[in-house]
Amino acid sequence: MKSPVTRQKYQKRLEKFFDYLEIDGKTIEEKSIAFVNYTKEYDVRWTFNVILKFMQSLLERFNRKEITGSTIRNYLKSIKVILLKKTA
């Protein structure tokens, strides 16, 4: 990511995702590493399930008109970036 603004937005979304999962860590980097380690330890089904639960919570917020559909898509993009970057 070249743009610092984009990087900050991705980090804020990831921070909310990690807070939802109650992942330990002081920094976003520590939380990212912990999440990727959980993914490697528990397997892909665990990762799929926690992402799906998070997306369902966002969908509920969408249905209450608290967020837009593009917000959900942006959260998913942020999560994909961390998974692709850290597991590659």
PDB file of N, CA and C in Angstrom:
ATOM      1  N   MET A   1       0.833  -1.177   0.000  1.00  0.00           N
ATOM      2  CA  MET A   1       0.000   0.000   0.000  1.00  0.00           C
ATOM      3  C   MET A   1       0.879   1.242   0.000  1.00  0.00           C
ATOM      4  N   LYS A   2       0.705   2.039  -0.970  1.00  0.00           N
ATOM      5  CA  LYS A   2       1.524   3.241  -1.065  1.00  0.00           C
ATOM      6  C   LYS A   2       0.933   4.401  -0.274  1.00  0.00           C
ATOM      7  N   SER A   3      -0.367   4.505  -0.256  1.00  0.00           N
ATOM      8  CA  SER A   3      -1.008   5.637   0.396  1.00  0.00           C
ATOM      9  C   SER A   3      -1.087   5.438   1.912  1.00  0.00           C
ATOM     10  N   PRO A   4      -0.559   6.398   2.678  1.00  0.00           N
ATOM     11  CA  PRO A   4      -0.649   6.283   4.140  1.00  0.00           C
ATOM     12  C   PRO A   4      -2.090   6.343   4.648  1.00  0.00           C
ATOM     13  N   VAL A   5      -2.945   7.043   3.942  1.00  0.00           N
ATOM     14  CA  VAL A   5      -4.354   7.135   4.345  1.00  0.00           C
ATOM     15  C   VAL A   5      -5.021   5.772   4.203  1.00  0.00           C
ATOM     16  N   THR A   6      -4.762   5.097   3.087  1.00  0.00           N
ATOM     17  CA  THR A   6      -5.322   3.760   2.871  1.00  0.00           C
ATOM     18  C   THR A   6      -4.811   2.802   3.938  1.00  0.00           C
ATOM     19  N   ARG A   7      -3.517   2.872   4.223  1.00  0.00           N
ATOM     20  CA  ARG A   7      -2.925   2.013   5.249  1.00  0.00           C
ATOM     21  C   ARG A   7      -3.602   2.232   6.600  1.00  0.00           C
ATOM     22  N   GLN A   8      -3.851   3.480   6.964  1.00  0.00           N
ATOM     23  CA  GLN A   8      -4.493   3.785   8.246  1.00  0.00           C
ATOM     24  C   GLN A   8      -5.918   3.224   8.295  1.00  0.00           C
ATOM     25  N   LYS A   9      -6.650   3.351   7.196  1.00  0.00           N
ATOM     26  CA  LYS A   9      -8.019   2.831   7.154  1.00  0.00           C
ATOM     27  C   LYS A   9      -8.031   1.314   7.281  1.00  0.00           C
ATOM     28  N   TYR A  10      -7.115   0.641   6.584  1.00  0.00           N
ATOM     29  CA  TYR A  10      -7.023  -0.813   6.689  1.00  0.00           C
ATOM     30  C   TYR A  10      -6.684  -1.213   8.123  1.00  0.00           C
ATOM     31  N   GLN A  11      -5.760  -0.490   8.747  1.00  0.00           N
ATOM     32  CA  GLN A  11      -5.363  -0.821  10.110  1.00  0.00           C
ATOM     33  C   GLN A  11      -6.507  -0.627  11.096  1.00  0.00           C
ATOM     34  N   LYS A  12      -7.292   0.426  10.915  1.00  0.00           N
ATOM     35  CA  LYS A  12      -8.443   0.646  11.802  1.00  0.00           C
ATOM     36  C   LYS A  12      -9.468  -0.466  11.653  1.00  0.00           C
ATOM     37  N   ARG A  13      -9.705  -0.890  10.418  1.00  0.00           N
ATOM     38  CA  ARG A  13     -10.662  -1.978  10.199  1.00  0.00           C
ATOM     39  C   ARG A  13     -10.149  -3.282  10.807  1.00  0.00           C
ATOM     40  N   LEU A  14      -8.874  -3.545  10.624  1.00  0.00           N
ATOM     41  CA  LEU A  14      -8.294  -4.752  11.214  1.00  0.00           C
ATOM     42  C   LEU A  14      -8.346  -4.701  12.736  1.00  0.00           C
ATOM     43  N   GLU A  15      -8.093  -3.543  13.295  1.00  0.00           N
ATOM     44  CA  GLU A  15      -8.156  -3.378  14.746  1.00  0.00           C
ATOM     45  C   GLU A  15      -9.556  -3.733  15.255  1.00  0.00           C
ATOM     46  N   LYS A  16     -10.587  -3.295  14.554  1.00  0.00           N
ATOM     47  CA  LYS A  16     -11.959  -3.623  14.953  1.00  0.00           C
ATOM     48  C   LYS A  16     -12.229  -5.119  14.814  1.00  0.00           C
ATOM     49  N   PHE A  17     -11.712  -5.717  13.759  1.00  0.00           N
ATOM     50  CA  PHE A  17     -11.860  -7.157  13.562  1.00  0.00           C
ATOM     51  C   PHE A  17     -11.179  -7.925  14.693  1.00  0.00           C
ATOM     52  N   PHE A  18      -9.964  -7.533  15.027  1.00  0.00           N
ATOM     53  CA  PHE A  18      -9.235  -8.210  16.101  1.00  0.00           C
ATOM     54  C   PHE A  18      -9.897  -7.983  17.456  1.00  0.00           C
ATOM     55  N   ASP A  19     -10.454  -6.812  17.668  1.00  0.00           N
ATOM     56  CA  ASP A  19     -11.199  -6.556  18.911  1.00  0.00           C
ATOM     57  C   ASP A  19     -12.424  -7.469  18.992  1.00  0.00           C
ATOM     58  N   TYR A  20     -13.099  -7.649  17.874  1.00  0.00           N
ATOM     59  CA  TYR A  20     -14.249  -8.547  17.825  1.00  0.00           C
ATOM     60  C   TYR A  20     -13.842  -9.964  18.222  1.00  0.00           C
ATOM     61  N   LEU A  21     -12.663 -10.388  17.753  1.00  0.00           N
ATOM     62  CA  LEU A  21     -12.174 -11.731  18.054  1.00  0.00           C
ATOM     63  C   LEU A  21     -11.487 -11.821  19.415  1.00  0.00           C
ATOM     64  N   GLU A  22     -11.281 -10.665  20.035  1.00  0.00           N
ATOM     65  CA  GLU A  22     -10.586 -10.579  21.324  1.00  0.00           C
ATOM     66  C   GLU A  22      -9.179 -11.179  21.242  1.00  0.00           C
ATOM     67  N   ILE A  23      -8.462 -10.794  20.197  1.00  0.00           N
ATOM     68  CA  ILE A  23      -7.088 -11.259  19.997  1.00  0.00           C
ATOM     69  C   ILE A  23      -6.157 -10.401  20.834  1.00  0.00           C
ATOM     70  N   ASP A  24      -5.262 -11.071  21.544  1.00  0.00           N
ATOM     71  CA  ASP A  24      -4.312 -10.367  22.406  1.00  0.00           C
ATOM     72  C   ASP A  24      -3.204  -9.724  21.592  1.00  0.00           C
ATOM     73  N   GLY A  25      -2.693  -8.627  22.111  1.00  0.00           N
ATOM     74  CA  GLY A  25      -1.586  -7.923  21.494  1.00  0.00           C
ATOM     75  C   GLY A  25      -1.719  -6.436  21.735  1.00  0.00           C
ATOM     76  N   LYS A  26      -0.596  -5.776  21.834  1.00  0.00           N
ATOM     77  CA  LYS A  26      -0.613  -4.329  22.076  1.00  0.00           C
ATOM     78  C   LYS A  26      -0.687  -3.542  20.781  1.00  0.00           C
ATOM     79  N   THR A  27      -0.030  -4.048  19.750  1.00  0.00           N
ATOM     80  CA  THR A  27       0.008  -3.329  18.478  1.00  0.00           C
ATOM     81  C   THR A  27      -0.742  -4.128  17.417  1.00  0.00           C
ATOM     82  N   ILE A  28      -1.044  -3.462  16.328  1.00  0.00           N
ATOM     83  CA  ILE A  28      -1.721  -4.128  15.218  1.00  0.00           C
ATOM     84  C   ILE A  28      -0.834  -5.232  14.645  1.00  0.00           C
ATOM     85  N   GLU A  29       0.477  -5.029  14.659  1.00  0.00           N
ATOM     86  CA  GLU A  29       1.397  -6.039  14.160  1.00  0.00           C
ATOM     87  C   GLU A  29       1.343  -7.294  15.026  1.00  0.00           C
ATOM     88  N   GLU A  30       1.346  -7.127  16.347  1.00  0.00           N
ATOM     89  CA  GLU A  30       1.272  -8.269  17.254  1.00  0.00           C
ATOM     90  C   GLU A  30      -0.044  -9.018  17.078  1.00  0.00           C
ATOM     91  N   LYS A  31      -1.121  -8.283  16.933  1.00  0.00           N
ATOM     92  CA  LYS A  31      -2.422  -8.908  16.742  1.00  0.00           C
ATOM     93  C   LYS A  31      -2.487  -9.639  15.407  1.00  0.00           C
ATOM     94  N   SER A  32      -1.887  -9.055  14.372  1.00  0.00           N
ATOM     95  CA  SER A  32      -1.864  -9.698  13.050  1.00  0.00           C
ATOM     96  C   SER A  32      -1.099 -11.014  13.107  1.00  0.00           C
ATOM     97  N   ILE A  33       0.047 -10.997  13.767  1.00  0.00           N
ATOM     98  CA  ILE A  33       0.850 -12.210  13.888  1.00  0.00           C
ATOM     99  C   ILE A  33       0.087 -13.266  14.681  1.00  0.00           C
ATOM    100  N   ALA A  34      -0.568 -12.854  15.765  1.00  0.00           N
ATOM    101  CA  ALA A  34      -1.355 -13.792  16.573  1.00  0.00           C
ATOM    102  C   ALA A  34      -2.482 -14.402  15.742  1.00  0.00           C
ATOM    103  N   PHE A  35      -3.161 -13.584  14.952  1.00  0.00           N
ATOM    104  CA  PHE A  35      -4.253 -14.085  14.112  1.00  0.00           C
ATOM    105  C   PHE A  35      -3.734 -15.095  13.099  1.00  0.00           C
ATOM    106  N   VAL A  36      -2.639 -14.778  12.441  1.00  0.00           N
ATOM    107  CA  VAL A  36      -2.078 -15.695  11.450  1.00  0.00           C
ATOM    108  C   VAL A  36      -1.620 -16.983  12.131  1.00  0.00           C
ATOM    109  N   ASN A  37      -1.047 -16.877  13.325  1.00  0.00           N
ATOM    110  CA  ASN A  37      -0.642 -18.080  14.057  1.00  0.00           C
ATOM    111  C   ASN A  37      -1.851 -18.931  14.426  1.00  0.00           C
ATOM    112  N   TYR A  38      -2.948 -18.298  14.847  1.00  0.00           N
ATOM    113  CA  TYR A  38      -4.185 -19.037  15.118  1.00  0.00           C
ATOM    114  C   TYR A  38      -4.639 -19.761  13.853  1.00  0.00           C
ATOM    115  N   THR A  39      -4.551 -19.066  12.726  1.00  0.00           N
ATOM    116  CA  THR A  39      -4.968 -19.641  11.454  1.00  0.00           C
ATOM    117  C   THR A  39      -4.142 -20.883  11.135  1.00  0.00           C
ATOM    118  N   LYS A  40      -2.848 -20.783  11.332  1.00  0.00           N
ATOM    119  CA  LYS A  40      -1.972 -21.925  11.051  1.00  0.00           C
ATOM    120  C   LYS A  40      -2.191 -23.053  12.058  1.00  0.00           C
ATOM    121  N   GLU A  41      -2.476 -22.710  13.308  1.00  0.00           N
ATOM    122  CA  GLU A  41      -2.626 -23.701  14.364  1.00  0.00           C
ATOM    123  C   GLU A  41      -3.955 -24.453  14.274  1.00  0.00           C
ATOM    124  N   TYR A  42      -5.050 -23.731  14.082  1.00  0.00           N
ATOM    125  CA  TYR A  42      -6.369 -24.349  14.130  1.00  0.00           C
ATOM    126  C   TYR A  42      -6.852 -24.857  12.786  1.00  0.00           C
ATOM    127  N   ASP A  43      -6.404 -24.351  11.740  1.00  0.00           N
ATOM    128  CA  ASP A  43      -6.684 -24.697  10.352  1.00  0.00           C
ATOM    129  C   ASP A  43      -7.614 -23.671   9.715  1.00  0.00           C
ATOM    130  N   VAL A  44      -7.820 -23.866   8.445  1.00  0.00           N
ATOM    131  CA  VAL A  44      -8.547 -22.894   7.635  1.00  0.00           C
ATOM    132  C   VAL A  44     -10.017 -22.798   8.050  1.00  0.00           C
ATOM    133  N   ARG A  45     -10.588 -23.888   8.525  1.00  0.00           N
ATOM    134  CA  ARG A  45     -11.999 -23.847   8.923  1.00  0.00           C
ATOM    135  C   ARG A  45     -12.229 -22.870  10.060  1.00  0.00           C
ATOM    136  N   TRP A  46     -11.301 -22.818  11.037  1.00  0.00           N
ATOM    137  CA  TRP A  46     -11.420 -21.856  12.136  1.00  0.00           C
ATOM    138  C   TRP A  46     -11.426 -20.444  11.581  1.00  0.00           C
ATOM    139  N   THR A  47     -10.486 -20.166  10.688  1.00  0.00           N
ATOM    140  CA  THR A  47     -10.376 -18.836  10.096  1.00  0.00           C
ATOM    141  C   THR A  47     -11.640 -18.481   9.329  1.00  0.00           C
ATOM    142  N   PHE A  48     -12.106 -19.399   8.518  1.00  0.00           N
ATOM    143  CA  PHE A  48     -13.332 -19.167   7.757  1.00  0.00           C
ATOM    144  C   PHE A  48     -14.501 -18.867   8.685  1.00  0.00           C
ATOM    145  N   ASN A  49     -14.637 -19.642   9.743  1.00  0.00           N
ATOM    146  CA  ASN A  49     -15.760 -19.463  10.666  1.00  0.00           C
ATOM    147  C   ASN A  49     -15.717 -18.125  11.391  1.00  0.00           C
ATOM    148  N   VAL A  50     -14.545 -17.699  11.846  1.00  0.00           N
ATOM    149  CA  VAL A  50     -14.488 -16.423  12.575  1.00  0.00           C
ATOM    150  C   VAL A  50     -14.714 -15.248  11.639  1.00  0.00           C
ATOM    151  N   ILE A  51     -14.218 -15.355  10.414  1.00  0.00           N
ATOM    152  CA  ILE A  51     -14.469 -14.284   9.444  1.00  0.00           C
ATOM    153  C   ILE A  51     -15.955 -14.245   9.097  1.00  0.00           C
ATOM    154  N   LEU A  52     -16.556 -15.405   8.914  1.00  0.00           N
ATOM    155  CA  LEU A  52     -17.981 -15.474   8.605  1.00  0.00           C
ATOM    156  C   LEU A  52     -18.817 -14.873   9.735  1.00  0.00           C
ATOM    157  N   LYS A  53     -18.500 -15.179  10.974  1.00  0.00           N
ATOM    158  CA  LYS A  53     -19.238 -14.610  12.111  1.00  0.00           C
ATOM    159  C   LYS A  53     -19.101 -13.092  12.149  1.00  0.00           C
ATOM    160  N   PHE A  54     -17.887 -12.611  11.878  1.00  0.00           N
ATOM    161  CA  PHE A  54     -17.672 -11.167  11.854  1.00  0.00           C
ATOM    162  C   PHE A  54     -18.480 -10.522  10.738  1.00  0.00           C
ATOM    163  N   MET A  55     -18.464 -11.146   9.563  1.00  0.00           N
ATOM    164  CA  MET A  55     -19.223 -10.613   8.432  1.00  0.00           C
ATOM    165  C   MET A  55     -20.726 -10.631   8.741  1.00  0.00           C
ATOM    166  N   GLN A  56     -21.199 -11.653   9.435  1.00  0.00           N
ATOM    167  CA  GLN A  56     -22.613 -11.704   9.815  1.00  0.00           C
ATOM    168  C   GLN A  56     -22.965 -10.564  10.767  1.00  0.00           C
ATOM    169  N   SER A  57     -22.037 -10.241  11.686  1.00  0.00           N
ATOM    170  CA  SER A  57     -22.301  -9.114  12.592  1.00  0.00           C
ATOM    171  C   SER A  57     -22.359  -7.802  11.812  1.00  0.00           C
ATOM    172  N   LEU A  58     -21.518  -7.679  10.783  1.00  0.00           N
ATOM    173  CA  LEU A  58     -21.571  -6.484   9.942  1.00  0.00           C
ATOM    174  C   LEU A  58     -22.865  -6.444   9.131  1.00  0.00           C
ATOM    175  N   LEU A  59     -23.311  -7.606   8.668  1.00  0.00           N
ATOM    176  CA  LEU A  59     -24.561  -7.674   7.912  1.00  0.00           C
ATOM    177  C   LEU A  59     -25.739  -7.251   8.782  1.00  0.00           C
ATOM    178  N   GLU A  60     -25.720  -7.635  10.044  1.00  0.00           N
ATOM    179  CA  GLU A  60     -26.772  -7.198  10.964  1.00  0.00           C
ATOM    180  C   GLU A  60     -26.760  -5.672  11.107  1.00  0.00           C
ATOM    181  N   ARG A  61     -25.569  -5.105  11.191  1.00  0.00           N
ATOM    182  CA  ARG A  61     -25.465  -3.642  11.266  1.00  0.00           C
ATOM    183  C   ARG A  61     -25.969  -3.003   9.975  1.00  0.00           C
ATOM    184  N   PHE A  62     -25.685  -3.648   8.843  1.00  0.00           N
ATOM    185  CA  PHE A  62     -26.165  -3.162   7.556  1.00  0.00           C
ATOM    186  C   PHE A  62     -27.700  -3.176   7.529  1.00  0.00           C
ATOM    187  N   ASN A  63     -28.289  -4.261   8.017  1.00  0.00           N
ATOM    188  CA  ASN A  63     -29.750  -4.373   8.034  1.00  0.00           C
ATOM    189  C   ASN A  63     -30.403  -3.330   8.931  1.00  0.00           C
ATOM    190  N   ARG A  64     -29.681  -2.892   9.961  1.00  0.00           N
ATOM    191  CA  ARG A  64     -30.185  -1.819  10.828  1.00  0.00           C
ATOM    192  C   ARG A  64     -29.845  -0.442  10.267  1.00  0.00           C
ATOM    193  N   LYS A  65     -29.233  -0.429   9.075  1.00  0.00           N
ATOM    194  CA  LYS A  65     -28.849   0.793   8.374  1.00  0.00           C
ATOM    195  C   LYS A  65     -27.803   1.615   9.135  1.00  0.00           C
ATOM    196  N   GLU A  66     -26.922   0.902   9.868  1.00  0.00           N
ATOM    197  CA  GLU A  66     -25.829   1.562  10.578  1.00  0.00           C
ATOM    198  C   GLU A  66     -24.607   1.725   9.683  1.00  0.00           C
ATOM    199  N   ILE A  67     -24.441   0.810   8.719  1.00  0.00           N
ATOM    200  CA  ILE A  67     -23.311   0.855   7.790  1.00  0.00           C
ATOM    201  C   ILE A  67     -23.821   0.553   6.382  1.00  0.00           C
ATOM    202  N   THR A  68     -22.968   0.767   5.389  1.00  0.00           N
ATOM    203  CA  THR A  68     -23.333   0.496   3.996  1.00  0.00           C
ATOM    204  C   THR A  68     -22.697  -0.817   3.532  1.00  0.00           C
ATOM    205  N   GLY A  69     -23.141  -1.289   2.401  1.00  0.00           N
ATOM    206  CA  GLY A  69     -22.579  -2.505   1.820  1.00  0.00           C
ATOM    207  C   GLY A  69     -21.101  -2.359   1.494  1.00  0.00           C
ATOM    208  N   SER A  70     -20.702  -1.183   1.063  1.00  0.00           N
ATOM    209  CA  SER A  70     -19.289  -0.979   0.737  1.00  0.00           C
ATOM    210  C   SER A  70     -18.414  -1.048   1.984  1.00  0.00           C
ATOM    211  N   THR A  71     -18.968  -0.727   3.147  1.00  0.00           N
ATOM    212  CA  THR A  71     -18.214  -0.851   4.392  1.00  0.00           C
ATOM    213  C   THR A  71     -17.893  -2.311   4.661  1.00  0.00           C
ATOM    214  N   ILE A  72     -18.863  -3.184   4.430  1.00  0.00           N
ATOM    215  CA  ILE A  72     -18.633  -4.619   4.613  1.00  0.00           C
ATOM    216  C   ILE A  72     -17.542  -5.095   3.668  1.00  0.00           C
ATOM    217  N   ARG A  73     -17.622  -4.683   2.425  1.00  0.00           N
ATOM    218  CA  ARG A  73     -16.618  -5.065   1.430  1.00  0.00           C
ATOM    219  C   ARG A  73     -15.234  -4.568   1.835  1.00  0.00           C
ATOM    220  N   ASN A  74     -15.152  -3.357   2.363  1.00  0.00           N
ATOM    221  CA  ASN A  74     -13.861  -2.815   2.774  1.00  0.00           C
ATOM    222  C   ASN A  74     -13.264  -3.583   3.949  1.00  0.00           C
ATOM    223  N   TYR A  75     -14.106  -4.033   4.885  1.00  0.00           N
ATOM    224  CA  TYR A  75     -13.611  -4.867   5.979  1.00  0.00           C
ATOM    225  C   TYR A  75     -13.033  -6.165   5.435  1.00  0.00           C
ATOM    226  N   LEU A  76     -13.745  -6.779   4.512  1.00  0.00           N
ATOM    227  CA  LEU A  76     -13.276  -8.038   3.945  1.00  0.00           C
ATOM    228  C   LEU A  76     -11.958  -7.857   3.203  1.00  0.00           C
ATOM    229  N   LYS A  77     -11.821  -6.757   2.469  1.00  0.00           N
ATOM    230  CA  LYS A  77     -10.564  -6.485   1.766  1.00  0.00           C
ATOM    231  C   LYS A  77      -9.416  -6.355   2.751  1.00  0.00           C
ATOM    232  N   SER A  78      -9.652  -5.693   3.879  1.00  0.00           N
ATOM    233  CA  SER A  78      -8.608  -5.518   4.887  1.00  0.00           C
ATOM    234  C   SER A  78      -8.168  -6.854   5.460  1.00  0.00           C
ATOM    235  N   ILE A  79      -9.119  -7.722   5.722  1.00  0.00           N
ATOM    236  CA  ILE A  79      -8.800  -9.038   6.273  1.00  0.00           C
ATOM    237  C   ILE A  79      -8.048  -9.878   5.240  1.00  0.00           C
ATOM    238  N   LYS A  80      -8.468  -9.816   3.988  1.00  0.00           N
ATOM    239  CA  LYS A  80      -7.790 -10.570   2.935  1.00  0.00           C
ATOM    240  C   LYS A  80      -6.337 -10.142   2.789  1.00  0.00           C
ATOM    241  N   VAL A  81      -6.087  -8.859   2.899  1.00  0.00           N
ATOM    242  CA  VAL A  81      -4.723  -8.358   2.743  1.00  0.00           C
ATOM    243  C   VAL A  81      -3.812  -8.955   3.808  1.00  0.00           C
ATOM    244  N   ILE A  82      -4.271  -8.971   5.057  1.00  0.00           N
ATOM    245  CA  ILE A  82      -3.425  -9.489   6.127  1.00  0.00           C
ATOM    246  C   ILE A  82      -3.197 -10.982   5.959  1.00  0.00           C
ATOM    247  N   LEU A  83      -4.206 -11.705   5.540  1.00  0.00           N
ATOM    248  CA  LEU A  83      -4.044 -13.153   5.352  1.00  0.00           C
ATOM    249  C   LEU A  83      -3.106 -13.463   4.190  1.00  0.00           C
ATOM    250  N   LEU A  84      -3.268 -12.758   3.099  1.00  0.00           N
ATOM    251  CA  LEU A  84      -2.429 -13.015   1.938  1.00  0.00           C
ATOM    252  C   LEU A  84      -0.985 -12.604   2.192  1.00  0.00           C
ATOM    253  N   LYS A  85      -0.795 -11.518   2.891  1.00  0.00           N
ATOM    254  CA  LYS A  85       0.548 -11.005   3.150  1.00  0.00           C
ATOM    255  C   LYS A  85       1.295 -11.874   4.158  1.00  0.00           C
ATOM    256  N   LYS A  86       0.615 -12.256   5.247  1.00  0.00           N
ATOM    257  CA  LYS A  86       1.289 -12.958   6.341  1.00  0.00           C
ATOM    258  C   LYS A  86       1.439 -14.465   6.098  1.00  0.00           C
ATOM    259  N   THR A  87       0.551 -15.062   5.310  1.00  0.00           N
ATOM    260  CA  THR A  87       0.635 -16.506   5.125  1.00  0.00           C
ATOM    261  C   THR A  87       1.412 -16.882   3.877  1.00  0.00           C
ATOM    262  N   ALA A  88       1.759 -15.910   3.064  1.00  0.00           N
ATOM    263  CA  ALA A  88       2.493 -16.198   1.828  1.00  0.00           C
ATOM    264  C   ALA A  88       3.939 -16.535   2.103  1.00  0.00           C
TER     265      ALA A  88
END
